[in-house]
């Protein structure tokens, strides 16, 4: 059975992420979408909430499992017997950092390969950071995040703004 991991912070999951999930799920018997912590980013949702939002957003894909890890990706992949990491690339600027991470992961886990999927042109501009900024100003998020979680993102942004005020 071929198993791949699609890691990310997914804070929140976007339609761009969902596009990569759909395409990667078609390439493998099992795709583990793994919420990981990016220490450089301030989280809108807790890791547990992100897992729940991802589960609701991906339940139509029978071979997709959602998980959380706070360990190194190379170690997590060994534990899960996954030999491929899937990474989405929006622009050339993503490539340099992602290649660096792929090389490091390969050094830590020589059996681990990284597969890059180019973002669908429809989503090349889209990121979780942009979604959070749009939510801050009350923009309609229907074309940017899965419909299953639009209300969750808006509600959380309202809570966060209430604390700021």
C-alpha atoms as a PDB file:
ATOM      1  CA  UNK A   1       0.000   0.000   0.000  1.00  0.00           C
ATOM      2  CA  UNK A   2       1.431   3.386  -0.966  1.00  0.00           C
ATOM      3  CA  UNK A   3       1.105   6.016   1.724  1.00  0.00           C
ATOM      4  CA  UNK A   4       1.979   9.695   1.425  1.00  0.00           C
ATOM      5  CA  UNK A   5       1.884  12.566   3.881  1.00  0.00           C
ATOM      6  CA  UNK A   6       0.738  16.087   3.090  1.00  0.00           C
ATOM      7  CA  UNK A   7       2.035  18.193   5.991  1.00  0.00           C
ATOM      8  CA  UNK A   8       1.155  21.777   6.774  1.00  0.00           C
ATOM      9  CA  UNK A   9      -0.126  24.184   9.369  1.00  0.00           C
ATOM     10  CA  UNK A  10      -3.551  24.423   7.649  1.00  0.00           C
ATOM     11  CA  UNK A  11      -4.537  27.445   9.730  1.00  0.00           C
ATOM     12  CA  UNK A  12      -7.117  27.458   8.238  1.00  0.00           C
ATOM     13  CA  UNK A  13      -7.336  24.945   5.395  1.00  0.00           C
ATOM     14  CA  UNK A  14      -7.975  26.711   2.076  1.00  0.00           C
ATOM     15  CA  UNK A  15      -9.433  25.604  -1.242  1.00  0.00           C
ATOM     16  CA  UNK A  16      -5.845  25.574  -2.514  1.00  0.00           C
ATOM     17  CA  UNK A  17      -4.944  22.998   0.157  1.00  0.00           C
ATOM     18  CA  UNK A  18      -8.074  21.027  -0.716  1.00  0.00           C
ATOM     19  CA  UNK A  19      -7.081  21.013  -4.389  1.00  0.00           C
ATOM     20  CA  UNK A  20      -3.675  19.525  -3.514  1.00  0.00           C
ATOM     21  CA  UNK A  21      -5.364  16.971  -1.202  1.00  0.00           C
ATOM     22  CA  UNK A  22      -7.758  15.868  -3.941  1.00  0.00           C
ATOM     23  CA  UNK A  23      -4.985  15.504  -6.519  1.00  0.00           C
ATOM     24  CA  UNK A  24      -2.558  13.745  -4.160  1.00  0.00           C
ATOM     25  CA  UNK A  25      -5.269  11.372  -2.908  1.00  0.00           C
ATOM     26  CA  UNK A  26      -5.718  10.214  -6.510  1.00  0.00           C
ATOM     27  CA  UNK A  27      -2.009   9.244  -6.650  1.00  0.00           C
ATOM     28  CA  UNK A  28      -1.747   7.135  -3.486  1.00  0.00           C
ATOM     29  CA  UNK A  29      -3.642   4.382  -1.719  1.00  0.00           C
ATOM     30  CA  UNK A  30      -3.621   6.492   1.433  1.00  0.00           C
ATOM     31  CA  UNK A  31      -2.934  10.190   2.029  1.00  0.00           C
ATOM     32  CA  UNK A  32      -2.312  11.399   5.555  1.00  0.00           C
ATOM     33  CA  UNK A  33      -2.973  15.115   5.899  1.00  0.00           C
ATOM     34  CA  UNK A  34      -0.907  16.015   8.924  1.00  0.00           C
ATOM     35  CA  UNK A  35      -1.319  19.213  10.914  1.00  0.00           C
ATOM     36  CA  UNK A  36       2.111  20.372  12.002  1.00  0.00           C
ATOM     37  CA  UNK A  37       3.158  23.400  13.987  1.00  0.00           C
ATOM     38  CA  UNK A  38       4.955  26.263  12.278  1.00  0.00           C
ATOM     39  CA  UNK A  39       6.755  28.069  15.102  1.00  0.00           C
ATOM     40  CA  UNK A  40       7.031  31.180  12.914  1.00  0.00           C
ATOM     41  CA  UNK A  41       3.251  31.584  12.672  1.00  0.00           C
ATOM     42  CA  UNK A  42       0.688  32.657  15.246  1.00  0.00           C
ATOM     43  CA  UNK A  43      -2.184  30.175  15.152  1.00  0.00           C
ATOM     44  CA  UNK A  44      -5.797  31.180  14.595  1.00  0.00           C
ATOM     45  CA  UNK A  45      -6.975  27.682  15.536  1.00  0.00           C
ATOM     46  CA  UNK A  46      -5.462  25.142  17.919  1.00  0.00           C
ATOM     47  CA  UNK A  47      -3.933  22.032  16.312  1.00  0.00           C
ATOM     48  CA  UNK A  48      -6.917  19.988  17.515  1.00  0.00           C
ATOM     49  CA  UNK A  49      -9.348  22.449  15.936  1.00  0.00           C
ATOM     50  CA  UNK A  50      -7.405  22.345  12.666  1.00  0.00           C
ATOM     51  CA  UNK A  51      -7.644  18.545  12.639  1.00  0.00           C
ATOM     52  CA  UNK A  52     -11.408  18.791  13.107  1.00  0.00           C
ATOM     53  CA  UNK A  53     -11.776  21.435  10.355  1.00  0.00           C
ATOM     54  CA  UNK A  54      -9.696  19.274   7.997  1.00  0.00           C
ATOM     55  CA  UNK A  55     -11.729  16.161   8.799  1.00  0.00           C
ATOM     56  CA  UNK A  56     -14.951  17.955   7.945  1.00  0.00           C
ATOM     57  CA  UNK A  57     -13.403  19.384   4.761  1.00  0.00           C
ATOM     58  CA  UNK A  58     -11.994  16.047   3.525  1.00  0.00           C
ATOM     59  CA  UNK A  59     -14.625  13.521   4.569  1.00  0.00           C
ATOM     60  CA  UNK A  60     -15.616  12.997   0.916  1.00  0.00           C
ATOM     61  CA  UNK A  61     -12.172  11.483   0.193  1.00  0.00           C
ATOM     62  CA  UNK A  62     -12.257   7.884   1.493  1.00  0.00           C
ATOM     63  CA  UNK A  63      -8.483   7.374   1.393  1.00  0.00           C
ATOM     64  CA  UNK A  64      -7.613  10.576   3.283  1.00  0.00           C
ATOM     65  CA  UNK A  65      -6.781  10.449   6.978  1.00  0.00           C
ATOM     66  CA  UNK A  66      -6.206  13.565   9.082  1.00  0.00           C
ATOM     67  CA  UNK A  67      -3.671  13.538  11.897  1.00  0.00           C
ATOM     68  CA  UNK A  68      -1.557  15.828  14.062  1.00  0.00           C
ATOM     69  CA  UNK A  69       2.126  15.641  14.922  1.00  0.00           C
ATOM     70  CA  UNK A  70       4.505  17.844  16.878  1.00  0.00           C
ATOM     71  CA  UNK A  71       7.603  15.876  15.897  1.00  0.00           C
ATOM     72  CA  UNK A  72       9.961  16.073  12.956  1.00  0.00           C
ATOM     73  CA  UNK A  73       8.278  15.138   9.687  1.00  0.00           C
ATOM     74  CA  UNK A  74      11.033  12.617   8.854  1.00  0.00           C
ATOM     75  CA  UNK A  75      10.391  10.768  12.127  1.00  0.00           C
ATOM     76  CA  UNK A  76       6.617  10.935  11.738  1.00  0.00           C
ATOM     77  CA  UNK A  77       6.905   9.457   8.228  1.00  0.00           C
ATOM     78  CA  UNK A  78       8.946   6.509   9.589  1.00  0.00           C
ATOM     79  CA  UNK A  79       6.307   5.832  12.250  1.00  0.00           C
ATOM     80  CA  UNK A  80       3.507   5.919   9.684  1.00  0.00           C
ATOM     81  CA  UNK A  81       5.474   3.882   7.106  1.00  0.00           C
ATOM     82  CA  UNK A  82       5.074   6.646   4.547  1.00  0.00           C
ATOM     83  CA  UNK A  83       7.753   7.075   1.898  1.00  0.00           C
ATOM     84  CA  UNK A  84       6.467  10.186   0.132  1.00  0.00           C
ATOM     85  CA  UNK A  85       5.853  13.735   1.317  1.00  0.00           C
ATOM     86  CA  UNK A  86       3.550  15.819  -0.871  1.00  0.00           C
ATOM     87  CA  UNK A  87       4.161  19.560  -1.009  1.00  0.00           C
ATOM     88  CA  UNK A  88       2.171  22.106  -2.972  1.00  0.00           C
ATOM     89  CA  UNK A  89       4.059  24.899  -4.700  1.00  0.00           C
ATOM     90  CA  UNK A  90       2.334  28.188  -5.438  1.00  0.00           C
ATOM     91  CA  UNK A  91       5.276  30.125  -6.835  1.00  0.00           C
ATOM     92  CA  UNK A  92       9.005  29.979  -7.428  1.00  0.00           C
ATOM     93  CA  UNK A  93       9.460  31.638  -4.039  1.00  0.00           C
ATOM     94  CA  UNK A  94       8.050  28.483  -2.356  1.00  0.00           C
ATOM     95  CA  UNK A  95      10.450  26.233  -4.260  1.00  0.00           C
ATOM     96  CA  UNK A  96      13.719  27.241  -2.612  1.00  0.00           C
ATOM     97  CA  UNK A  97      12.494  26.649   0.940  1.00  0.00           C
ATOM     98  CA  UNK A  98      10.667  23.428   0.036  1.00  0.00           C
ATOM     99  CA  UNK A  99      13.715  21.947  -1.716  1.00  0.00           C
ATOM    100  CA  UNK A 100      15.816  22.767   1.333  1.00  0.00           C
ATOM    101  CA  UNK A 101      13.311  20.955   3.564  1.00  0.00           C
ATOM    102  CA  UNK A 102      13.178  17.992   1.154  1.00  0.00           C
ATOM    103  CA  UNK A 103      16.960  17.610   1.326  1.00  0.00           C
ATOM    104  CA  UNK A 104      16.953  17.792   5.128  1.00  0.00           C
ATOM    105  CA  UNK A 105      14.102  15.262   5.371  1.00  0.00           C
ATOM    106  CA  UNK A 106      15.994  12.917   3.022  1.00  0.00           C
ATOM    107  CA  UNK A 107      19.107  13.161   5.222  1.00  0.00           C
ATOM    108  CA  UNK A 108      17.069  12.375   8.331  1.00  0.00           C
ATOM    109  CA  UNK A 109      15.055   9.625   6.622  1.00  0.00           C
ATOM    110  CA  UNK A 110      16.825   8.286   3.475  1.00  0.00           C
ATOM    111  CA  UNK A 111      13.689   6.388   2.362  1.00  0.00           C
ATOM    112  CA  UNK A 112      11.606   9.577   2.247  1.00  0.00           C
ATOM    113  CA  UNK A 113      10.961  11.228  -1.121  1.00  0.00           C
ATOM    114  CA  UNK A 114       9.277  14.578  -1.698  1.00  0.00           C
ATOM    115  CA  UNK A 115       6.771  15.050  -4.501  1.00  0.00           C
ATOM    116  CA  UNK A 116       5.952  18.609  -5.531  1.00  0.00           C
ATOM    117  CA  UNK A 117       2.546  19.437  -6.978  1.00  0.00           C
ATOM    118  CA  UNK A 118       2.191  22.761  -8.714  1.00  0.00           C
ATOM    119  CA  UNK A 119      -0.746  24.714  -7.412  1.00  0.00           C
ATOM    120  CA  UNK A 120      -3.714  24.970  -9.708  1.00  0.00           C
ATOM    121  CA  UNK A 121      -3.488  28.418 -11.306  1.00  0.00           C
ATOM    122  CA  UNK A 122      -6.862  29.187  -9.746  1.00  0.00           C
ATOM    123  CA  UNK A 123      -5.208  29.068  -6.287  1.00  0.00           C
ATOM    124  CA  UNK A 124      -1.658  30.341  -6.844  1.00  0.00           C
ATOM    125  CA  UNK A 125      -2.429  33.549  -4.951  1.00  0.00           C
ATOM    126  CA  UNK A 126      -4.181  31.858  -2.024  1.00  0.00           C
ATOM    127  CA  UNK A 127      -2.702  31.279   1.426  1.00  0.00           C
ATOM    128  CA  UNK A 128      -4.010  30.857   4.968  1.00  0.00           C
ATOM    129  CA  UNK A 129      -2.453  34.224   5.811  1.00  0.00           C
ATOM    130  CA  UNK A 130      -4.485  35.928   3.073  1.00  0.00           C
ATOM    131  CA  UNK A 131      -7.667  34.148   4.231  1.00  0.00           C
ATOM    132  CA  UNK A 132      -7.123  35.432   7.788  1.00  0.00           C
ATOM    133  CA  UNK A 133      -6.598  38.963   6.510  1.00  0.00           C
ATOM    134  CA  UNK A 134      -9.776  38.813   4.408  1.00  0.00           C
ATOM    135  CA  UNK A 135     -11.722  37.425   7.377  1.00  0.00           C
ATOM    136  CA  UNK A 136     -10.444  40.291   9.533  1.00  0.00           C
ATOM    137  CA  UNK A 137     -12.223  42.707   7.177  1.00  0.00           C
ATOM    138  CA  UNK A 138     -15.395  40.661   6.820  1.00  0.00           C
ATOM    139  CA  UNK A 139     -14.834  39.543   3.207  1.00  0.00           C
ATOM    140  CA  UNK A 140     -16.923  36.703   1.795  1.00  0.00           C
ATOM    141  CA  UNK A 141     -14.737  33.588   2.184  1.00  0.00           C
ATOM    142  CA  UNK A 142     -16.865  31.228   0.056  1.00  0.00           C
ATOM    143  CA  UNK A 143     -14.349  31.167  -2.817  1.00  0.00           C
ATOM    144  CA  UNK A 144     -11.334  30.725  -0.546  1.00  0.00           C
ATOM    145  CA  UNK A 145     -12.053  28.079   2.119  1.00  0.00           C
ATOM    146  CA  UNK A 146     -14.143  24.887   2.076  1.00  0.00           C
ATOM    147  CA  UNK A 147     -17.823  25.671   2.579  1.00  0.00           C
ATOM    148  CA  UNK A 148     -17.860  23.318   5.578  1.00  0.00           C
ATOM    149  CA  UNK A 149     -15.668  25.715   7.575  1.00  0.00           C
ATOM    150  CA  UNK A 150     -16.575  29.247   6.407  1.00  0.00           C
ATOM    151  CA  UNK A 151     -18.684  29.859   9.521  1.00  0.00           C
ATOM    152  CA  UNK A 152     -15.909  28.538  11.799  1.00  0.00           C
ATOM    153  CA  UNK A 153     -13.351  30.946  10.325  1.00  0.00           C
ATOM    154  CA  UNK A 154     -15.720  33.904  10.574  1.00  0.00           C
ATOM    155  CA  UNK A 155     -16.710  33.017  14.129  1.00  0.00           C
ATOM    156  CA  UNK A 156     -13.088  32.663  15.267  1.00  0.00           C
ATOM    157  CA  UNK A 157     -12.100  35.946  13.647  1.00  0.00           C
ATOM    158  CA  UNK A 158     -14.997  37.623  15.458  1.00  0.00           C
ATOM    159  CA  UNK A 159     -13.802  36.150  18.747  1.00  0.00           C
ATOM    160  CA  UNK A 160     -10.244  37.313  18.091  1.00  0.00           C
ATOM    161  CA  UNK A 161     -11.373  40.819  17.188  1.00  0.00           C
ATOM    162  CA  UNK A 162     -13.550  40.950  20.293  1.00  0.00           C
ATOM    163  CA  UNK A 163     -10.438  40.326  22.414  1.00  0.00           C
ATOM    164  CA  UNK A 164      -8.497  43.047  20.579  1.00  0.00           C
ATOM    165  CA  UNK A 165     -11.228  45.664  21.121  1.00  0.00           C
END
